[in-house]
């Protein structure tokens, strides 16, 4: 059974690029374009990994991270923060489940490598 990755990003081009890249790596990919819808997507899909953008409409990535880390059903899911805001890295360092940071724009091979590093090959 392929490993499932939830990608949360409000930029359609970025969402499509991450989805395509991960599908090439044989991962099962679920996408979500708002922080508000992301919680339902996490509960419904039970992903093995979440790629989380920081700047999201509705609920931002930081607020969503807090919610994820406080719930017994989700606090074990590893997260990679995807951001163009390099300074936001320090905000997320305190969360044990944050296993990586990727600054946008990123190289697709580096994205696949980071995902494999955290959850293994699909």
PDB file of N, CA and C in Angstrom:
ATOM      1  N   UNK A   1       0.846  -1.190   0.000  1.00  0.00           N
ATOM      2  CA  UNK A   1       0.000   0.000   0.000  1.00  0.00           C
ATOM      3  C   UNK A   1       0.888   1.250   0.000  1.00  0.00           C
ATOM      4  N   UNK A   2       0.668   2.144  -0.976  1.00  0.00           N
ATOM      5  CA  UNK A   2       1.540   3.326  -1.053  1.00  0.00           C
ATOM      6  C   UNK A   2       1.359   4.245   0.147  1.00  0.00           C
ATOM      7  N   UNK A   3       2.420   4.942   0.480  1.00  0.00           N
ATOM      8  CA  UNK A   3       2.359   5.889   1.591  1.00  0.00           C
ATOM      9  C   UNK A   3       1.630   7.146   1.119  1.00  0.00           C
ATOM     10  N   UNK A   4       0.849   7.724   2.026  1.00  0.00           N
ATOM     11  CA  UNK A   4      -0.007   8.859   1.688  1.00  0.00           C
ATOM     12  C   UNK A   4       0.596  10.158   2.206  1.00  0.00           C
ATOM     13  N   UNK A   5       0.629  11.153   1.311  1.00  0.00           N
ATOM     14  CA  UNK A   5       1.144  12.473   1.651  1.00  0.00           C
ATOM     15  C   UNK A   5       0.034  13.492   1.414  1.00  0.00           C
ATOM     16  N   UNK A   6      -0.215  14.327   2.416  1.00  0.00           N
ATOM     17  CA  UNK A   6      -1.156  15.428   2.272  1.00  0.00           C
ATOM     18  C   UNK A   6      -0.357  16.694   2.005  1.00  0.00           C
ATOM     19  N   UNK A   7      -0.677  17.372   0.905  1.00  0.00           N
ATOM     20  CA  UNK A   7      -0.021  18.623   0.545  1.00  0.00           C
ATOM     21  C   UNK A   7      -1.023  19.755   0.778  1.00  0.00           C
ATOM     22  N   UNK A   8      -0.646  20.713   1.627  1.00  0.00           N
ATOM     23  CA  UNK A   8      -1.510  21.853   1.930  1.00  0.00           C
ATOM     24  C   UNK A   8      -0.810  23.117   1.448  1.00  0.00           C
ATOM     25  N   UNK A   9      -1.352  23.717   0.384  1.00  0.00           N
ATOM     26  CA  UNK A   9      -0.761  24.922  -0.205  1.00  0.00           C
ATOM     27  C   UNK A   9      -1.845  25.653  -0.981  1.00  0.00           C
ATOM     28  N   UNK A  10      -1.867  26.976  -0.897  1.00  0.00           N
ATOM     29  CA  UNK A  10      -2.915  27.748  -1.574  1.00  0.00           C
ATOM     30  C   UNK A  10      -2.530  28.191  -2.982  1.00  0.00           C
ATOM     31  N   UNK A  11      -1.317  27.926  -3.416  1.00  0.00           N
ATOM     32  CA  UNK A  11      -0.890  28.298  -4.770  1.00  0.00           C
ATOM     33  C   UNK A  11      -1.103  27.100  -5.693  1.00  0.00           C
ATOM     34  N   UNK A  12      -2.014  27.218  -6.666  1.00  0.00           N
ATOM     35  CA  UNK A  12      -2.321  26.076  -7.536  1.00  0.00           C
ATOM     36  C   UNK A  12      -1.102  25.490  -8.245  1.00  0.00           C
ATOM     37  N   UNK A  13      -0.193  26.352  -8.713  1.00  0.00           N
ATOM     38  CA  UNK A  13       0.998  25.853  -9.425  1.00  0.00           C
ATOM     39  C   UNK A  13       1.873  25.023  -8.483  1.00  0.00           C
ATOM     40  N   UNK A  14       2.042  25.506  -7.259  1.00  0.00           N
ATOM     41  CA  UNK A  14       2.875  24.809  -6.283  1.00  0.00           C
ATOM     42  C   UNK A  14       2.219  23.487  -5.876  1.00  0.00           C
ATOM     43  N   UNK A  15       0.915  23.518  -5.687  1.00  0.00           N
ATOM     44  CA  UNK A  15       0.166  22.317  -5.319  1.00  0.00           C
ATOM     45  C   UNK A  15       0.311  21.259  -6.408  1.00  0.00           C
ATOM     46  N   UNK A  16       0.155  21.688  -7.646  1.00  0.00           N
ATOM     47  CA  UNK A  16       0.271  20.750  -8.770  1.00  0.00           C
ATOM     48  C   UNK A  16       1.689  20.211  -8.921  1.00  0.00           C
ATOM     49  N   UNK A  17       2.686  21.062  -8.726  1.00  0.00           N
ATOM     50  CA  UNK A  17       4.081  20.624  -8.839  1.00  0.00           C
ATOM     51  C   UNK A  17       4.406  19.580  -7.768  1.00  0.00           C
ATOM     52  N   UNK A  18       3.991  19.842  -6.528  1.00  0.00           N
ATOM     53  CA  UNK A  18       4.275  18.884  -5.454  1.00  0.00           C
ATOM     54  C   UNK A  18       3.516  17.581  -5.679  1.00  0.00           C
ATOM     55  N   UNK A  19       2.270  17.681  -6.113  1.00  0.00           N
ATOM     56  CA  UNK A  19       1.466  16.478  -6.376  1.00  0.00           C
ATOM     57  C   UNK A  19       2.119  15.640  -7.477  1.00  0.00           C
ATOM     58  N   UNK A  20       2.475  16.274  -8.581  1.00  0.00           N
ATOM     59  CA  UNK A  20       3.103  15.566  -9.700  1.00  0.00           C
ATOM     60  C   UNK A  20       4.412  14.913  -9.271  1.00  0.00           C
ATOM     61  N   UNK A  21       5.249  15.670  -8.560  1.00  0.00           N
ATOM     62  CA  UNK A  21       6.549  15.161  -8.114  1.00  0.00           C
ATOM     63  C   UNK A  21       6.382  13.936  -7.224  1.00  0.00           C
ATOM     64  N   UNK A  22       5.479  14.017  -6.261  1.00  0.00           N
ATOM     65  CA  UNK A  22       5.276  12.912  -5.328  1.00  0.00           C
ATOM     66  C   UNK A  22       4.633  11.706  -6.006  1.00  0.00           C
ATOM     67  N   UNK A  23       3.746  11.952  -6.943  1.00  0.00           N
ATOM     68  CA  UNK A  23       3.142  10.833  -7.683  1.00  0.00           C
ATOM     69  C   UNK A  23       4.190  10.121  -8.538  1.00  0.00           C
ATOM     70  N   UNK A  24       5.167  10.868  -9.055  1.00  0.00           N
ATOM     71  CA  UNK A  24       6.265  10.248  -9.804  1.00  0.00           C
ATOM     72  C   UNK A  24       7.077   9.337  -8.887  1.00  0.00           C
ATOM     73  N   UNK A  25       7.117   9.685  -7.605  1.00  0.00           N
ATOM     74  CA  UNK A  25       7.807   8.870  -6.610  1.00  0.00           C
ATOM     75  C   UNK A  25       6.922   7.754  -6.066  1.00  0.00           C
ATOM     76  N   UNK A  26       5.735   7.595  -6.651  1.00  0.00           N
ATOM     77  CA  UNK A  26       4.778   6.521  -6.320  1.00  0.00           C
ATOM     78  C   UNK A  26       4.067   6.715  -4.975  1.00  0.00           C
ATOM     79  N   UNK A  27       3.993   7.952  -4.513  1.00  0.00           N
ATOM     80  CA  UNK A  27       3.244   8.225  -3.295  1.00  0.00           C
ATOM     81  C   UNK A  27       1.783   8.487  -3.656  1.00  0.00           C
ATOM     82  N   UNK A  28       0.891   8.188  -2.726  1.00  0.00           N
ATOM     83  CA  UNK A  28      -0.521   8.507  -2.843  1.00  0.00           C
ATOM     84  C   UNK A  28      -0.645   9.941  -2.331  1.00  0.00           C
ATOM     85  N   UNK A  29      -1.129  10.864  -3.159  1.00  0.00           N
ATOM     86  CA  UNK A  29      -1.128  12.284  -2.801  1.00  0.00           C
ATOM     87  C   UNK A  29      -2.544  12.833  -2.696  1.00  0.00           C
ATOM     88  N   UNK A  30      -2.790  13.525  -1.587  1.00  0.00           N
ATOM     89  CA  UNK A  30      -4.044  14.240  -1.372  1.00  0.00           C
ATOM     90  C   UNK A  30      -3.665  15.711  -1.259  1.00  0.00           C
ATOM     91  N   UNK A  31      -4.438  16.591  -1.907  1.00  0.00           N
ATOM     92  CA  UNK A  31      -4.117  18.015  -1.842  1.00  0.00           C
ATOM     93  C   UNK A  31      -5.248  18.798  -1.181  1.00  0.00           C
ATOM     94  N   UNK A  32      -4.866  19.924  -0.637  1.00  0.00           N
ATOM     95  CA  UNK A  32      -5.810  20.810   0.027  1.00  0.00           C
ATOM     96  C   UNK A  32      -5.291  22.231  -0.164  1.00  0.00           C
ATOM     97  N   UNK A  33      -6.180  23.175  -0.503  1.00  0.00           N
ATOM     98  CA  UNK A  33      -5.709  24.525  -0.801  1.00  0.00           C
ATOM     99  C   UNK A  33      -6.026  25.573   0.265  1.00  0.00           C
ATOM    100  N   UNK A  34      -6.581  25.153   1.402  1.00  0.00           N
ATOM    101  CA  UNK A  34      -6.811  26.102   2.499  1.00  0.00           C
ATOM    102  C   UNK A  34      -6.520  25.428   3.836  1.00  0.00           C
ATOM    103  N   UNK A  35      -6.131  26.231   4.789  1.00  0.00           N
ATOM    104  CA  UNK A  35      -5.915  25.707   6.136  1.00  0.00           C
ATOM    105  C   UNK A  35      -7.218  25.245   6.760  1.00  0.00           C
ATOM    106  N   UNK A  36      -8.290  25.922   6.413  1.00  0.00           N
ATOM    107  CA  UNK A  36      -9.605  25.592   6.976  1.00  0.00           C
ATOM    108  C   UNK A  36     -10.037  24.184   6.569  1.00  0.00           C
ATOM    109  N   UNK A  37      -9.786  23.795   5.315  1.00  0.00           N
ATOM    110  CA  UNK A  37     -10.175  22.467   4.831  1.00  0.00           C
ATOM    111  C   UNK A  37      -9.149  21.398   5.181  1.00  0.00           C
ATOM    112  N   UNK A  38      -7.963  21.826   5.567  1.00  0.00           N
ATOM    113  CA  UNK A  38      -6.877  20.874   5.820  1.00  0.00           C
ATOM    114  C   UNK A  38      -7.186  19.943   6.984  1.00  0.00           C
ATOM    115  N   UNK A  39      -7.831  20.455   8.028  1.00  0.00           N
ATOM    116  CA  UNK A  39      -8.103  19.612   9.188  1.00  0.00           C
ATOM    117  C   UNK A  39      -8.971  18.418   8.791  1.00  0.00           C
ATOM    118  N   UNK A  40     -10.024  18.662   8.026  1.00  0.00           N
ATOM    119  CA  UNK A  40     -10.896  17.565   7.574  1.00  0.00           C
ATOM    120  C   UNK A  40     -10.115  16.595   6.700  1.00  0.00           C
ATOM    121  N   UNK A  41      -9.237  17.126   5.854  1.00  0.00           N
ATOM    122  CA  UNK A  41      -8.426  16.268   4.982  1.00  0.00           C
ATOM    123  C   UNK A  41      -7.486  15.383   5.802  1.00  0.00           C
ATOM    124  N   UNK A  42      -6.961  15.909   6.880  1.00  0.00           N
ATOM    125  CA  UNK A  42      -6.065  15.129   7.749  1.00  0.00           C
ATOM    126  C   UNK A  42      -6.855  13.999   8.417  1.00  0.00           C
ATOM    127  N   UNK A  43      -8.003  14.329   8.976  1.00  0.00           N
ATOM    128  CA  UNK A  43      -8.823  13.341   9.675  1.00  0.00           C
ATOM    129  C   UNK A  43      -9.345  12.272   8.703  1.00  0.00           C
ATOM    130  N   UNK A  44      -9.812  12.705   7.535  1.00  0.00           N
ATOM    131  CA  UNK A  44     -10.386  11.773   6.549  1.00  0.00           C
ATOM    132  C   UNK A  44      -9.345  10.862   5.906  1.00  0.00           C
ATOM    133  N   UNK A  45      -8.136  11.376   5.679  1.00  0.00           N
ATOM    134  CA  UNK A  45      -7.140  10.634   4.901  1.00  0.00           C
ATOM    135  C   UNK A  45      -6.037   9.976   5.720  1.00  0.00           C
ATOM    136  N   UNK A  46      -5.857  10.396   6.957  1.00  0.00           N
ATOM    137  CA  UNK A  46      -4.820   9.834   7.823  1.00  0.00           C
ATOM    138  C   UNK A  46      -3.475   9.708   7.089  1.00  0.00           C
ATOM    139  N   UNK A  47      -2.900  10.849   6.672  1.00  0.00           N
ATOM    140  CA  UNK A  47      -1.661  10.802   5.894  1.00  0.00           C
ATOM    141  C   UNK A  47      -0.462  10.324   6.709  1.00  0.00           C
ATOM    142  N   UNK A  48       0.533   9.798   5.993  1.00  0.00           N
ATOM    143  CA  UNK A  48       1.793   9.391   6.616  1.00  0.00           C
ATOM    144  C   UNK A  48       2.715  10.598   6.808  1.00  0.00           C
ATOM    145  N   UNK A  49       2.448  11.666   6.047  1.00  0.00           N
ATOM    146  CA  UNK A  49       3.262  12.880   6.079  1.00  0.00           C
ATOM    147  C   UNK A  49       2.405  14.039   5.599  1.00  0.00           C
ATOM    148  N   UNK A  50       2.662  15.235   6.168  1.00  0.00           N
ATOM    149  CA  UNK A  50       1.985  16.452   5.713  1.00  0.00           C
ATOM    150  C   UNK A  50       3.044  17.434   5.240  1.00  0.00           C
ATOM    151  N   UNK A  51       2.855  17.968   4.036  1.00  0.00           N
ATOM    152  CA  UNK A  51       3.671  19.074   3.535  1.00  0.00           C
ATOM    153  C   UNK A  51       2.808  20.314   3.727  1.00  0.00           C
ATOM    154  N   UNK A  52       3.241  21.213   4.600  1.00  0.00           N
ATOM    155  CA  UNK A  52       2.394  22.313   5.052  1.00  0.00           C
ATOM    156  C   UNK A  52       2.981  23.674   4.716  1.00  0.00           C
ATOM    157  N   UNK A  53       2.224  24.448   3.954  1.00  0.00           N
ATOM    158  CA  UNK A  53       2.588  25.827   3.648  1.00  0.00           C
ATOM    159  C   UNK A  53       2.299  26.681   4.884  1.00  0.00           C
ATOM    160  N   UNK A  54       3.014  27.787   5.034  1.00  0.00           N
ATOM    161  CA  UNK A  54       2.810  28.661   6.185  1.00  0.00           C
ATOM    162  C   UNK A  54       1.711  29.682   5.906  1.00  0.00           C
ATOM    163  N   UNK A  55       1.788  30.342   4.767  1.00  0.00           N
ATOM    164  CA  UNK A  55       0.835  31.399   4.422  1.00  0.00           C
ATOM    165  C   UNK A  55      -0.374  30.778   3.719  1.00  0.00           C
ATOM    166  N   UNK A  56      -1.445  30.590   4.479  1.00  0.00           N
ATOM    167  CA  UNK A  56      -2.669  29.989   3.947  1.00  0.00           C
ATOM    168  C   UNK A  56      -3.853  30.886   4.274  1.00  0.00           C
ATOM    169  N   UNK A  57      -4.864  30.897   3.390  1.00  0.00           N
ATOM    170  CA  UNK A  57      -6.070  31.656   3.711  1.00  0.00           C
ATOM    171  C   UNK A  57      -6.881  30.940   4.795  1.00  0.00           C
ATOM    172  N   UNK A  58      -7.581  31.716   5.594  1.00  0.00           N
ATOM    173  CA  UNK A  58      -8.410  31.123   6.645  1.00  0.00           C
ATOM    174  C   UNK A  58      -7.572  30.829   7.870  1.00  0.00           C
ATOM    175  N   UNK A  59      -7.088  29.616   7.972  1.00  0.00           N
ATOM    176  CA  UNK A  59      -6.226  29.218   9.074  1.00  0.00           C
ATOM    177  C   UNK A  59      -4.809  29.088   8.530  1.00  0.00           C
ATOM    178  N   UNK A  60      -3.854  29.831   9.091  1.00  0.00           N
ATOM    179  CA  UNK A  60      -2.481  29.770   8.580  1.00  0.00           C
ATOM    180  C   UNK A  60      -1.797  28.480   9.036  1.00  0.00           C
ATOM    181  N   UNK A  61      -0.669  28.186   8.428  1.00  0.00           N
ATOM    182  CA  UNK A  61       0.062  26.952   8.714  1.00  0.00           C
ATOM    183  C   UNK A  61       0.494  26.821  10.162  1.00  0.00           C
ATOM    184  N   UNK A  62       0.840  27.935  10.791  1.00  0.00           N
ATOM    185  CA  UNK A  62       1.276  27.878  12.186  1.00  0.00           C
ATOM    186  C   UNK A  62       0.107  27.476  13.098  1.00  0.00           C
ATOM    187  N   UNK A  63      -1.044  28.083  12.907  1.00  0.00           N
ATOM    188  CA  UNK A  63      -2.227  27.748  13.714  1.00  0.00           C
ATOM    189  C   UNK A  63      -2.643  26.304  13.481  1.00  0.00           C
ATOM    190  N   UNK A  64      -2.553  25.865  12.231  1.00  0.00           N
ATOM    191  CA  UNK A  64      -2.900  24.482  11.909  1.00  0.00           C
ATOM    192  C   UNK A  64      -1.910  23.521  12.578  1.00  0.00           C
ATOM    193  N   UNK A  65      -0.637  23.874  12.572  1.00  0.00           N
ATOM    194  CA  UNK A  65       0.386  23.051  13.224  1.00  0.00           C
ATOM    195  C   UNK A  65       0.096  22.902  14.715  1.00  0.00           C
ATOM    196  N   UNK A  66      -0.313  23.975  15.354  1.00  0.00           N
ATOM    197  CA  UNK A  66      -0.652  23.910  16.781  1.00  0.00           C
ATOM    198  C   UNK A  66      -1.803  22.923  16.991  1.00  0.00           C
ATOM    199  N   UNK A  67      -2.833  23.028  16.168  1.00  0.00           N
ATOM    200  CA  UNK A  67      -3.995  22.133  16.294  1.00  0.00           C
ATOM    201  C   UNK A  67      -3.583  20.672  16.080  1.00  0.00           C
ATOM    202  N   UNK A  68      -2.775  20.424  15.068  1.00  0.00           N
ATOM    203  CA  UNK A  68      -2.305  19.065  14.768  1.00  0.00           C
ATOM    204  C   UNK A  68      -1.508  18.507  15.948  1.00  0.00           C
ATOM    205  N   UNK A  69      -0.645  19.334  16.523  1.00  0.00           N
ATOM    206  CA  UNK A  69       0.239  18.865  17.600  1.00  0.00           C
ATOM    207  C   UNK A  69      -0.497  18.624  18.915  1.00  0.00           C
ATOM    208  N   UNK A  70      -1.699  19.170  19.049  1.00  0.00           N
ATOM    209  CA  UNK A  70      -2.445  19.027  20.301  1.00  0.00           C
ATOM    210  C   UNK A  70      -3.479  17.909  20.276  1.00  0.00           C
ATOM    211  N   UNK A  71      -3.667  17.277  19.128  1.00  0.00           N
ATOM    212  CA  UNK A  71      -4.683  16.236  19.009  1.00  0.00           C
ATOM    213  C   UNK A  71      -4.027  14.856  19.016  1.00  0.00           C
ATOM    214  N   UNK A  72      -4.521  13.965  19.853  1.00  0.00           N
ATOM    215  CA  UNK A  72      -3.941  12.625  19.963  1.00  0.00           C
ATOM    216  C   UNK A  72      -3.989  11.842  18.658  1.00  0.00           C
ATOM    217  N   UNK A  73      -4.971  12.125  17.807  1.00  0.00           N
ATOM    218  CA  UNK A  73      -5.094  11.411  16.535  1.00  0.00           C
ATOM    219  C   UNK A  73      -4.072  11.876  15.502  1.00  0.00           C
ATOM    220  N   UNK A  74      -3.538  13.082  15.671  1.00  0.00           N
ATOM    221  CA  UNK A  74      -2.686  13.658  14.623  1.00  0.00           C
ATOM    222  C   UNK A  74      -1.274  14.033  15.072  1.00  0.00           C
ATOM    223  N   UNK A  75      -1.018  14.067  16.362  1.00  0.00           N
ATOM    224  CA  UNK A  75       0.272  14.589  16.834  1.00  0.00           C
ATOM    225  C   UNK A  75       1.474  13.716  16.459  1.00  0.00           C
ATOM    226  N   UNK A  76       1.224  12.521  15.959  1.00  0.00           N
ATOM    227  CA  UNK A  76       2.319  11.632  15.544  1.00  0.00           C
ATOM    228  C   UNK A  76       2.691  11.810  14.066  1.00  0.00           C
ATOM    229  N   UNK A  77       1.884  12.541  13.300  1.00  0.00           N
ATOM    230  CA  UNK A  77       2.120  12.675  11.852  1.00  0.00           C
ATOM    231  C   UNK A  77       3.287  13.638  11.611  1.00  0.00           C
ATOM    232  N   UNK A  78       4.332  13.175  10.918  1.00  0.00           N
ATOM    233  CA  UNK A  78       5.448  14.083  10.633  1.00  0.00           C
ATOM    234  C   UNK A  78       5.032  15.166   9.633  1.00  0.00           C
ATOM    235  N   UNK A  79       5.654  16.326   9.775  1.00  0.00           N
ATOM    236  CA  UNK A  79       5.321  17.479   8.945  1.00  0.00           C
ATOM    237  C   UNK A  79       6.593  18.094   8.382  1.00  0.00           C
ATOM    238  N   UNK A  80       6.504  18.497   7.116  1.00  0.00           N
ATOM    239  CA  UNK A  80       7.563  19.294   6.498  1.00  0.00           C
ATOM    240  C   UNK A  80       6.933  20.647   6.183  1.00  0.00           C
ATOM    241  N   UNK A  81       7.551  21.709   6.682  1.00  0.00           N
ATOM    242  CA  UNK A  81       7.071  23.062   6.441  1.00  0.00           C
ATOM    243  C   UNK A  81       7.609  23.527   5.090  1.00  0.00           C
ATOM    244  N   UNK A  82       6.693  23.973   4.237  1.00  0.00           N
ATOM    245  CA  UNK A  82       7.039  24.469   2.905  1.00  0.00           C
ATOM    246  C   UNK A  82       6.769  25.974   2.917  1.00  0.00           C
ATOM    247  N   UNK A  83       7.816  26.791   2.776  1.00  0.00           N
ATOM    248  CA  UNK A  83       7.583  28.226   2.882  1.00  0.00           C
ATOM    249  C   UNK A  83       8.552  29.057   2.063  1.00  0.00           C
ATOM    250  N   UNK A  84       8.077  30.208   1.652  1.00  0.00           N
ATOM    251  CA  UNK A  84       8.952  31.191   1.021  1.00  0.00           C
ATOM    252  C   UNK A  84       9.474  32.144   2.093  1.00  0.00           C
ATOM    253  N   UNK A  85       8.955  32.011   3.308  1.00  0.00           N
ATOM    254  CA  UNK A  85       9.344  32.877   4.421  1.00  0.00           C
ATOM    255  C   UNK A  85      10.370  32.180   5.303  1.00  0.00           C
ATOM    256  N   UNK A  86      11.607  32.276   4.947  1.00  0.00           N
ATOM    257  CA  UNK A  86      12.682  31.622   5.693  1.00  0.00           C
ATOM    258  C   UNK A  86      12.672  31.964   7.192  1.00  0.00           C
ATOM    259  N   UNK A  87      12.372  33.212   7.587  1.00  0.00           N
ATOM    260  CA  UNK A  87      12.348  33.529   9.022  1.00  0.00           C
ATOM    261  C   UNK A  87      11.310  32.730   9.819  1.00  0.00           C
ATOM    262  N   UNK A  88      10.287  32.203   9.164  1.00  0.00           N
ATOM    263  CA  UNK A  88       9.252  31.452   9.889  1.00  0.00           C
ATOM    264  C   UNK A  88       9.790  30.123  10.426  1.00  0.00           C
ATOM    265  N   UNK A  89      10.933  29.715   9.952  1.00  0.00           N
ATOM    266  CA  UNK A  89      11.550  28.460  10.405  1.00  0.00           C
ATOM    267  C   UNK A  89      11.648  28.409  11.933  1.00  0.00           C
ATOM    268  N   UNK A  90      12.032  29.522  12.542  1.00  0.00           N
ATOM    269  CA  UNK A  90      12.218  29.534  13.991  1.00  0.00           C
ATOM    270  C   UNK A  90      10.911  29.300  14.745  1.00  0.00           C
ATOM    271  N   UNK A  91       9.782  29.709  14.186  1.00  0.00           N
ATOM    272  CA  UNK A  91       8.478  29.489  14.827  1.00  0.00           C
ATOM    273  C   UNK A  91       8.169  28.001  14.990  1.00  0.00           C
ATOM    274  N   UNK A  92       8.605  27.199  14.035  1.00  0.00           N
ATOM    275  CA  UNK A  92       8.220  25.788  13.990  1.00  0.00           C
ATOM    276  C   UNK A  92       9.222  24.851  14.661  1.00  0.00           C
ATOM    277  N   UNK A  93      10.396  25.365  15.026  1.00  0.00           N
ATOM    278  CA  UNK A  93      11.431  24.499  15.602  1.00  0.00           C
ATOM    279  C   UNK A  93      11.008  23.837  16.901  1.00  0.00           C
ATOM    280  N   UNK A  94      10.076  24.435  17.611  1.00  0.00           N
ATOM    281  CA  UNK A  94       9.668  23.887  18.909  1.00  0.00           C
ATOM    282  C   UNK A  94       8.759  22.663  18.777  1.00  0.00           C
ATOM    283  N   UNK A  95       8.265  22.390  17.589  1.00  0.00           N
ATOM    284  CA  UNK A  95       7.366  21.258  17.393  1.00  0.00           C
ATOM    285  C   UNK A  95       8.153  20.016  17.019  1.00  0.00           C
ATOM    286  N   UNK A  96       8.058  18.996  17.839  1.00  0.00           N
ATOM    287  CA  UNK A  96       8.790  17.749  17.624  1.00  0.00           C
ATOM    288  C   UNK A  96       8.399  17.069  16.314  1.00  0.00           C
ATOM    289  N   UNK A  97       7.156  17.198  15.918  1.00  0.00           N
ATOM    290  CA  UNK A  97       6.714  16.501  14.714  1.00  0.00           C
ATOM    291  C   UNK A  97       7.147  17.200  13.419  1.00  0.00           C
ATOM    292  N   UNK A  98       7.666  18.418  13.505  1.00  0.00           N
ATOM    293  CA  UNK A  98       8.189  19.088  12.316  1.00  0.00           C
ATOM    294  C   UNK A  98       9.556  18.483  12.020  1.00  0.00           C
ATOM    295  N   UNK A  99       9.612  17.709  10.937  1.00  0.00           N
ATOM    296  CA  UNK A  99      10.815  16.946  10.602  1.00  0.00           C
ATOM    297  C   UNK A  99      11.665  17.605   9.526  1.00  0.00           C
ATOM    298  N   UNK A 100      11.190  18.720   8.984  1.00  0.00           N
ATOM    299  CA  UNK A 100      11.984  19.380   7.963  1.00  0.00           C
ATOM    300  C   UNK A 100      11.373  20.678   7.498  1.00  0.00           C
ATOM    301  N   UNK A 101      12.202  21.454   6.809  1.00  0.00           N
ATOM    302  CA  UNK A 101      11.791  22.722   6.226  1.00  0.00           C
ATOM    303  C   UNK A 101      12.282  22.736   4.790  1.00  0.00           C
ATOM    304  N   UNK A 102      11.456  23.242   3.899  1.00  0.00           N
ATOM    305  CA  UNK A 102      11.890  23.444   2.524  1.00  0.00           C
ATOM    306  C   UNK A 102      11.492  24.858   2.136  1.00  0.00           C
ATOM    307  N   UNK A 103      12.461  25.597   1.636  1.00  0.00           N
ATOM    308  CA  UNK A 103      12.205  26.959   1.205  1.00  0.00           C
ATOM    309  C   UNK A 103      11.784  26.946  -0.260  1.00  0.00           C
ATOM    310  N   UNK A 104      10.692  27.643  -0.544  1.00  0.00           N
ATOM    311  CA  UNK A 104      10.227  27.765  -1.925  1.00  0.00           C
ATOM    312  C   UNK A 104      10.988  28.892  -2.593  1.00  0.00           C
ATOM    313  N   UNK A 105      11.328  28.776  -3.846  1.00  0.00           N
ATOM    314  CA  UNK A 105      11.168  27.577  -4.680  1.00  0.00           C
ATOM    315  C   UNK A 105      12.179  26.505  -4.274  1.00  0.00           C
ATOM    316  N   UNK A 106      11.832  25.268  -4.551  1.00  0.00           N
ATOM    317  CA  UNK A 106      12.674  24.133  -4.185  1.00  0.00           C
ATOM    318  C   UNK A 106      12.918  23.283  -5.426  1.00  0.00           C
ATOM    319  N   UNK A 107      13.884  22.396  -5.336  1.00  0.00           N
ATOM    320  CA  UNK A 107      14.158  21.460  -6.429  1.00  0.00           C
ATOM    321  C   UNK A 107      13.319  20.210  -6.175  1.00  0.00           C
ATOM    322  N   UNK A 108      12.686  19.708  -7.222  1.00  0.00           N
ATOM    323  CA  UNK A 108      11.782  18.572  -7.062  1.00  0.00           C
ATOM    324  C   UNK A 108      12.511  17.330  -6.546  1.00  0.00           C
ATOM    325  N   UNK A 109      13.758  17.121  -6.970  1.00  0.00           N
ATOM    326  CA  UNK A 109      14.488  15.952  -6.478  1.00  0.00           C
ATOM    327  C   UNK A 109      14.784  16.076  -4.981  1.00  0.00           C
ATOM    328  N   UNK A 110      14.963  17.310  -4.507  1.00  0.00           N
ATOM    329  CA  UNK A 110      15.183  17.527  -3.073  1.00  0.00           C
ATOM    330  C   UNK A 110      13.901  17.261  -2.280  1.00  0.00           C
ATOM    331  N   UNK A 111      12.756  17.595  -2.867  1.00  0.00           N
ATOM    332  CA  UNK A 111      11.476  17.306  -2.218  1.00  0.00           C
ATOM    333  C   UNK A 111      11.295  15.799  -2.060  1.00  0.00           C
ATOM    334  N   UNK A 112      11.513  15.062  -3.125  1.00  0.00           N
ATOM    335  CA  UNK A 112      11.383  13.605  -3.059  1.00  0.00           C
ATOM    336  C   UNK A 112      12.359  13.012  -2.049  1.00  0.00           C
ATOM    337  N   UNK A 113      13.568  13.510  -2.059  1.00  0.00           N
ATOM    338  CA  UNK A 113      14.584  13.016  -1.131  1.00  0.00           C
ATOM    339  C   UNK A 113      14.164  13.264   0.318  1.00  0.00           C
ATOM    340  N   UNK A 114      13.616  14.440   0.613  1.00  0.00           N
ATOM    341  CA  UNK A 114      13.178  14.788   1.960  1.00  0.00           C
ATOM    342  C   UNK A 114      12.026  13.884   2.403  1.00  0.00           C
ATOM    343  N   UNK A 115      11.081  13.632   1.509  1.00  0.00           N
ATOM    344  CA  UNK A 115       9.934  12.779   1.832  1.00  0.00           C
ATOM    345  C   UNK A 115      10.416  11.328   2.097  1.00  0.00           C
ATOM    346  N   UNK A 116      11.303  10.840   1.244  1.00  0.00           N
ATOM    347  CA  UNK A 116      11.843   9.484   1.427  1.00  0.00           C
ATOM    348  C   UNK A 116      12.610   9.367   2.743  1.00  0.00           C
ATOM    349  N   UNK A 117      13.336  10.426   3.085  1.00  0.00           N
ATOM    350  CA  UNK A 117      14.111  10.470   4.324  1.00  0.00           C
ATOM    351  C   UNK A 117      13.196  10.301   5.551  1.00  0.00           C
ATOM    352  N   UNK A 118      12.025  10.911   5.481  1.00  0.00           N
ATOM    353  CA  UNK A 118      11.122  10.938   6.628  1.00  0.00           C
ATOM    354  C   UNK A 118      10.210   9.716   6.705  1.00  0.00           C
ATOM    355  N   UNK A 119       9.618   9.317   5.570  1.00  0.00           N
ATOM    356  CA  UNK A 119       8.660   8.200   5.628  1.00  0.00           C
ATOM    357  C   UNK A 119       9.068   6.995   4.791  1.00  0.00           C
ATOM    358  N   UNK A 120      10.221   7.077   4.144  1.00  0.00           N
ATOM    359  CA  UNK A 120      10.685   5.955   3.324  1.00  0.00           C
ATOM    360  C   UNK A 120      10.105   6.016   1.919  1.00  0.00           C
ATOM    361  N   UNK A 121      10.552   5.113   1.094  1.00  0.00           N
ATOM    362  CA  UNK A 121      10.067   5.057  -0.285  1.00  0.00           C
ATOM    363  C   UNK A 121       8.613   4.621  -0.288  1.00  0.00           C
ATOM    364  N   UNK A 122       7.909   5.043  -1.325  1.00  0.00           N
ATOM    365  CA  UNK A 122       6.473   4.717  -1.441  1.00  0.00           C
ATOM    366  C   UNK A 122       6.274   3.216  -1.613  1.00  0.00           C
TER     367      UNK A 122
END
